[in-house]
N, C-alpha and C. Protein backbone atom coordinates (compact mmCIF):
# COMPACT_ATOMS: atom_id res chain seq x y z
N MET A 1 -3.07 -11.66 6.58
CA MET A 1 -3.54 -10.22 7.18
C MET A 1 -1.98 -9.85 7.99
N VAL A 2 -1.47 -8.69 7.40
CA VAL A 2 0.00 -8.32 8.22
C VAL A 2 -0.23 -6.93 9.14
N ARG A 3 0.41 -7.27 10.21
CA ARG A 3 0.07 -6.09 10.82
C ARG A 3 1.40 -5.39 10.95
N GLY A 4 1.72 -4.03 11.05
CA GLY A 4 3.01 -3.53 11.06
C GLY A 4 2.88 -2.17 11.99
N GLY A 5 3.96 -1.75 12.48
CA GLY A 5 4.38 -0.67 13.60
C GLY A 5 5.72 -0.26 13.62
N SER A 6 6.39 -1.02 12.37
CA SER A 6 8.01 -0.30 12.02
C SER A 6 8.24 -0.64 11.08
N THR A 7 9.31 0.05 10.73
CA THR A 7 9.84 -0.29 8.90
C THR A 7 10.13 -1.48 8.68
N GLU A 8 10.36 -2.31 9.98
CA GLU A 8 10.58 -3.66 9.01
C GLU A 8 9.35 -4.59 8.87
N SER A 9 8.32 -3.84 9.46
CA SER A 9 7.05 -4.50 9.16
C SER A 9 6.49 -4.23 7.46
N VAL A 10 7.40 -3.01 6.97
CA VAL A 10 7.03 -2.58 5.48
C VAL A 10 7.64 -3.86 4.97
N HIS A 11 9.01 -4.10 4.71
CA HIS A 11 9.50 -5.49 4.37
C HIS A 11 8.58 -6.69 4.28
N ARG A 12 8.09 -7.17 5.63
CA ARG A 12 7.31 -8.26 5.82
C ARG A 12 5.78 -8.13 4.86
N ALA A 13 5.40 -6.72 4.66
CA ALA A 13 4.22 -6.55 3.87
C ALA A 13 4.47 -6.76 2.43
N ARG A 14 5.88 -6.49 2.04
CA ARG A 14 6.08 -6.62 0.50
C ARG A 14 6.38 -8.12 0.12
N GLU A 15 6.84 -8.94 1.17
CA GLU A 15 7.13 -10.32 1.08
C GLU A 15 5.65 -10.89 1.04
N ALA A 16 4.66 -10.55 1.91
CA ALA A 16 3.42 -11.00 1.88
C ALA A 16 2.67 -10.85 0.70
N ALA A 17 2.80 -9.65 -0.04
CA ALA A 17 2.10 -9.39 -1.45
C ALA A 17 2.68 -10.12 -2.28
N ARG A 18 4.23 -10.30 -2.56
CA ARG A 18 4.71 -11.21 -3.36
C ARG A 18 4.08 -12.35 -3.39
N GLY A 19 4.46 -13.12 -1.94
CA GLY A 19 4.05 -14.63 -2.12
C GLY A 19 2.50 -14.61 -2.15
N PHE A 20 1.73 -13.65 -1.88
CA PHE A 20 0.15 -13.50 -2.26
C PHE A 20 0.01 -14.00 -3.76
N ALA A 21 0.89 -12.70 -4.47
CA ALA A 21 0.53 -13.01 -6.28
C ALA A 21 1.12 -13.94 -6.45
N CYS A 22 2.38 -14.64 -6.05
CA CYS A 22 2.86 -15.41 -6.88
C CYS A 22 2.01 -17.17 -6.27
N GLY A 23 1.11 -16.76 -5.52
CA GLY A 23 0.35 -18.24 -5.02
C GLY A 23 -0.72 -18.18 -5.86
N LEU A 24 -1.33 -17.37 -6.55
CA LEU A 24 -2.50 -17.32 -7.24
C LEU A 24 -2.07 -18.49 -8.39
N VAL A 25 -3.44 -19.00 -8.90
CA VAL A 25 -3.18 -19.77 -9.77
C VAL A 25 -4.63 -19.39 -10.89
N PRO A 26 -4.27 -18.98 -12.20
CA PRO A 26 -2.87 -18.72 -12.38
C PRO A 26 -2.30 -17.54 -12.00
N ALA A 27 -0.72 -17.54 -11.98
CA ALA A 27 0.25 -16.28 -11.49
C ALA A 27 -0.34 -15.23 -12.28
N PRO A 28 -0.44 -13.87 -11.56
CA PRO A 28 -0.17 -13.07 -12.57
C PRO A 28 1.47 -12.54 -13.07
N GLY A 29 1.26 -11.93 -14.22
CA GLY A 29 2.93 -11.60 -14.34
C GLY A 29 3.54 -10.68 -13.66
N SER A 30 4.97 -10.97 -13.90
CA SER A 30 5.87 -10.22 -12.99
C SER A 30 5.71 -8.94 -12.97
N ASP A 31 5.17 -8.27 -13.97
CA ASP A 31 5.09 -6.84 -13.94
C ASP A 31 3.81 -6.41 -13.05
N THR A 32 2.86 -7.26 -12.89
CA THR A 32 1.65 -7.30 -12.09
C THR A 32 2.20 -7.35 -10.72
N VAL A 33 3.01 -8.44 -10.45
CA VAL A 33 3.32 -8.80 -9.14
C VAL A 33 4.38 -7.71 -8.65
N ASP A 34 5.34 -6.99 -9.36
CA ASP A 34 6.11 -6.30 -9.12
C ASP A 34 5.33 -4.68 -8.77
N THR A 35 4.53 -4.35 -9.51
CA THR A 35 3.65 -3.27 -9.12
C THR A 35 2.76 -3.28 -7.91
N LEU A 36 2.04 -4.75 -7.50
CA LEU A 36 1.50 -4.68 -6.61
C LEU A 36 2.68 -4.28 -5.11
N VAL A 37 3.54 -5.08 -5.44
CA VAL A 37 4.52 -4.59 -4.36
C VAL A 37 4.63 -3.55 -3.99
N LEU A 38 5.01 -2.88 -5.13
CA LEU A 38 5.44 -1.25 -4.96
C LEU A 38 4.13 -0.84 -4.42
N VAL A 39 3.22 -0.66 -4.72
CA VAL A 39 1.96 -0.21 -4.19
C VAL A 39 1.64 -0.31 -2.79
N VAL A 40 2.12 -1.30 -2.35
CA VAL A 40 2.14 -2.34 -1.13
C VAL A 40 3.08 -1.54 -0.30
N SER A 41 4.18 -1.23 -0.69
CA SER A 41 5.20 -0.73 0.22
C SER A 41 5.13 0.91 0.45
N GLU A 42 4.33 1.53 -0.70
CA GLU A 42 4.37 2.78 -0.36
C GLU A 42 3.15 2.95 0.24
N LEU A 43 2.03 2.41 0.80
CA LEU A 43 1.07 2.38 1.17
C LEU A 43 1.19 2.08 2.50
N ALA A 44 2.17 1.30 2.92
CA ALA A 44 2.40 0.65 4.13
C ALA A 44 3.52 1.82 4.84
N THR A 45 4.30 2.43 4.38
CA THR A 45 5.10 3.27 4.70
C THR A 45 4.49 4.82 4.66
N ASN A 46 3.30 4.95 3.89
CA ASN A 46 2.80 6.37 4.47
C ASN A 46 1.69 6.11 5.41
N ALA A 47 1.26 4.95 5.60
CA ALA A 47 0.49 4.79 6.92
C ALA A 47 1.36 4.76 8.32
N LEU A 48 2.61 4.36 8.22
CA LEU A 48 3.60 4.44 9.02
C LEU A 48 3.74 5.92 9.63
N ARG A 49 4.14 6.55 8.59
CA ARG A 49 4.64 7.95 8.35
C ARG A 49 3.48 8.76 9.19
N HIS A 50 2.05 8.63 8.35
CA HIS A 50 1.16 10.01 8.52
C HIS A 50 -0.21 9.03 8.96
N GLY A 51 -0.36 8.05 9.25
CA GLY A 51 -1.46 7.18 9.70
C GLY A 51 -1.76 6.79 11.21
N GLY A 52 -0.51 7.30 11.99
CA GLY A 52 -0.96 7.16 13.18
C GLY A 52 0.49 5.92 13.74
N GLY A 53 1.08 5.41 12.96
CA GLY A 53 2.57 4.73 13.27
C GLY A 53 2.05 3.15 13.09
N ARG A 54 1.00 2.85 12.55
CA ARG A 54 0.86 1.27 12.73
C ARG A 54 -0.23 1.11 11.50
N TYR A 55 -0.50 0.13 10.94
CA TYR A 55 -1.24 -0.47 10.03
C TYR A 55 -1.74 -2.03 10.02
N ALA A 56 -2.73 -2.30 9.17
CA ALA A 56 -2.83 -3.56 9.02
C ALA A 56 -3.27 -3.76 7.47
N LEU A 57 -2.65 -4.54 6.87
CA LEU A 57 -2.33 -5.19 5.39
C LEU A 57 -3.65 -6.34 5.18
N GLU A 58 -4.53 -6.27 4.32
CA GLU A 58 -5.46 -7.28 3.88
C GLU A 58 -5.33 -7.54 2.04
N LEU A 59 -5.05 -8.34 1.69
CA LEU A 59 -4.75 -9.03 0.31
C LEU A 59 -5.93 -9.65 -0.27
N SER A 60 -6.44 -9.55 -1.16
CA SER A 60 -7.44 -10.03 -1.67
C SER A 60 -7.06 -10.21 -3.38
N ALA A 61 -8.20 -11.35 -4.24
CA ALA A 61 -7.96 -11.34 -5.61
C ALA A 61 -9.11 -11.65 -6.20
N THR A 62 -9.36 -11.30 -7.37
CA THR A 62 -10.65 -12.00 -8.05
C THR A 62 -9.91 -12.34 -9.47
N ARG A 63 -10.70 -12.59 -10.25
CA ARG A 63 -10.01 -13.26 -11.62
C ARG A 63 -9.55 -12.15 -12.23
N ASP A 64 -10.07 -10.67 -11.95
CA ASP A 64 -9.74 -9.65 -13.07
C ASP A 64 -9.21 -8.66 -11.58
N ALA A 65 -8.96 -8.81 -10.72
CA ALA A 65 -8.12 -7.83 -9.85
C ALA A 65 -7.43 -8.15 -8.60
N LEU A 66 -6.40 -7.58 -8.60
CA LEU A 66 -5.66 -7.85 -6.97
C LEU A 66 -6.06 -6.31 -6.14
N THR A 67 -6.40 -6.99 -5.11
CA THR A 67 -6.81 -5.73 -4.16
C THR A 67 -6.01 -5.75 -2.98
N ALA A 68 -5.37 -4.87 -2.25
CA ALA A 68 -4.57 -4.28 -1.49
C ALA A 68 -5.11 -3.47 -0.76
N ALA A 69 -5.47 -4.01 0.77
CA ALA A 69 -6.34 -2.75 1.61
C ALA A 69 -5.61 -2.53 2.59
N ILE A 70 -5.38 -1.46 2.99
CA ILE A 70 -4.28 -0.76 4.23
C ILE A 70 -5.44 0.05 4.85
N SER A 71 -5.17 -0.40 6.14
CA SER A 71 -6.14 0.72 6.96
C SER A 71 -5.00 0.93 8.21
N ASP A 72 -5.35 2.20 8.96
CA ASP A 72 -4.54 2.88 9.95
C ASP A 72 -5.48 3.39 10.99
N PRO A 73 -4.82 3.63 12.10
CA PRO A 73 -5.86 4.34 12.78
C PRO A 73 -5.97 5.98 12.72
N SER A 74 -5.82 6.46 11.76
CA SER A 74 -5.95 8.22 11.92
C SER A 74 -7.03 8.47 11.11
N PRO A 75 -7.82 9.57 11.62
CA PRO A 75 -9.05 9.60 10.95
C PRO A 75 -9.01 10.58 9.62
N VAL A 76 -7.59 10.90 9.78
CA VAL A 76 -6.90 11.96 8.25
C VAL A 76 -6.81 11.49 7.28
N PRO A 77 -7.74 11.45 6.08
CA PRO A 77 -7.42 10.91 4.72
C PRO A 77 -6.17 11.45 4.24
N PRO A 78 -5.39 10.39 3.56
CA PRO A 78 -4.21 10.73 2.81
C PRO A 78 -4.25 11.89 1.73
N ARG A 79 -3.21 12.97 1.87
CA ARG A 79 -3.45 13.73 1.17
C ARG A 79 -2.23 14.08 0.14
N GLU A 80 -2.38 14.34 -1.01
CA GLU A 80 -1.69 14.81 -2.12
C GLU A 80 -0.64 15.97 -2.05
N ARG A 81 0.33 16.06 -2.06
CA ARG A 81 1.16 17.17 -1.47
C ARG A 81 2.01 17.27 -3.08
N ALA A 82 2.71 18.38 -2.97
CA ALA A 82 3.61 18.19 -4.34
C ALA A 82 4.82 18.01 -3.77
N PRO A 83 5.32 17.08 -5.00
CA PRO A 83 6.79 16.02 -4.40
C PRO A 83 7.96 17.40 -4.22
N ASP A 84 8.65 17.19 -3.25
CA ASP A 84 9.91 17.76 -2.72
C ASP A 84 11.12 17.53 -3.77
N LEU A 85 11.26 18.21 -4.78
CA LEU A 85 12.34 17.80 -5.76
C LEU A 85 13.64 18.51 -5.35
N ASN A 86 13.73 19.16 -4.10
CA ASN A 86 15.03 19.46 -3.75
C ASN A 86 15.63 19.09 -2.36
N GLY A 87 14.40 18.95 -1.42
CA GLY A 87 14.78 18.76 -0.28
C GLY A 87 15.09 17.01 0.15
N GLY A 88 14.32 16.38 -0.70
CA GLY A 88 14.12 14.98 -0.51
C GLY A 88 13.09 14.58 0.78
N SER A 89 12.03 15.16 0.94
CA SER A 89 11.27 15.02 2.09
C SER A 89 10.02 14.39 1.60
N GLY A 90 10.10 13.75 0.37
CA GLY A 90 8.98 12.93 -0.03
C GLY A 90 7.98 13.51 -1.08
N GLY A 91 6.50 13.14 -0.96
CA GLY A 91 5.52 13.70 -1.58
C GLY A 91 5.57 12.88 -2.94
N PHE A 92 6.16 11.94 -3.01
CA PHE A 92 6.35 11.10 -4.36
C PHE A 92 5.01 9.86 -4.35
N GLY A 93 4.93 9.23 -3.05
CA GLY A 93 4.19 8.06 -3.07
C GLY A 93 2.77 7.98 -3.53
N TRP A 94 2.06 9.20 -3.12
CA TRP A 94 0.53 9.21 -3.31
C TRP A 94 0.35 8.88 -4.75
N HIS A 95 1.51 10.04 -5.35
CA HIS A 95 1.20 10.34 -6.60
C HIS A 95 1.50 9.06 -7.56
N MET A 96 2.58 8.19 -7.39
CA MET A 96 3.02 7.10 -7.78
C MET A 96 1.80 6.04 -7.81
N VAL A 97 1.13 5.77 -6.46
CA VAL A 97 0.38 5.13 -6.38
C VAL A 97 -1.06 5.09 -6.99
N ARG A 98 -1.69 6.23 -7.32
CA ARG A 98 -2.72 6.81 -7.95
C ARG A 98 -2.20 6.51 -9.75
N ARG A 99 -0.96 6.62 -9.97
CA ARG A 99 -0.92 6.49 -11.31
C ARG A 99 -0.51 4.95 -11.66
N LEU A 100 -0.24 4.00 -10.68
CA LEU A 100 0.02 2.66 -10.66
C LEU A 100 -1.04 1.82 -10.60
N THR A 101 -2.38 2.39 -9.80
CA THR A 101 -3.36 1.44 -9.52
C THR A 101 -4.74 1.96 -10.69
N ALA A 102 -5.47 0.74 -10.85
CA ALA A 102 -6.87 1.05 -11.91
C ALA A 102 -7.84 1.59 -11.21
N ASP A 103 -8.01 1.41 -9.39
CA ASP A 103 -8.77 1.72 -9.03
C ASP A 103 -8.27 2.24 -7.68
N LEU A 104 -8.48 3.14 -7.28
CA LEU A 104 -7.85 3.59 -5.67
C LEU A 104 -9.04 4.27 -4.96
N THR A 105 -9.32 3.82 -3.47
CA THR A 105 -10.83 3.85 -3.05
C THR A 105 -9.95 4.49 -1.74
N VAL A 106 -10.38 5.28 -1.08
CA VAL A 106 -10.17 5.93 0.38
C VAL A 106 -11.26 6.18 1.03
N ALA A 107 -11.75 5.23 2.08
CA ALA A 107 -12.50 5.60 3.20
C ALA A 107 -12.40 5.33 4.65
N PRO A 108 -13.00 6.23 5.35
CA PRO A 108 -13.09 6.43 6.66
C PRO A 108 -13.17 4.83 7.50
N GLY A 109 -12.58 4.50 8.34
CA GLY A 109 -12.64 3.44 9.07
C GLY A 109 -13.49 3.44 10.39
N PRO A 110 -13.55 2.28 10.75
CA PRO A 110 -14.66 2.30 11.87
C PRO A 110 -13.94 3.14 13.06
N GLY A 111 -14.93 4.15 13.55
CA GLY A 111 -14.42 5.23 14.55
C GLY A 111 -13.86 6.15 14.04
N ALA A 112 -14.09 6.42 12.56
CA ALA A 112 -13.38 7.92 12.07
C ALA A 112 -14.22 8.74 12.30
């Protein structure tokens, strides 16, 4: 588990995701590993920015799937918004995560 509350923790989350995936036997292909790292980076960053400033990451795997579970203290679920094509204020991450994942679940945590 990786716990984060700073932008440096997003780097640690990416490293943890890459190390976890590369340590699996058999290891997934490099495209799959890169996708996992990107998804983890986006989710951790979103949790920091919009989810209360901290998060916890748990990684798991089955024969058929890699799972990255990110939890944060916010009771408000993530929402899609139109990407800002001119001002650079974001809006791309959630769309990217939806496109890159086979299954995306949002569930309220305990206390939400």
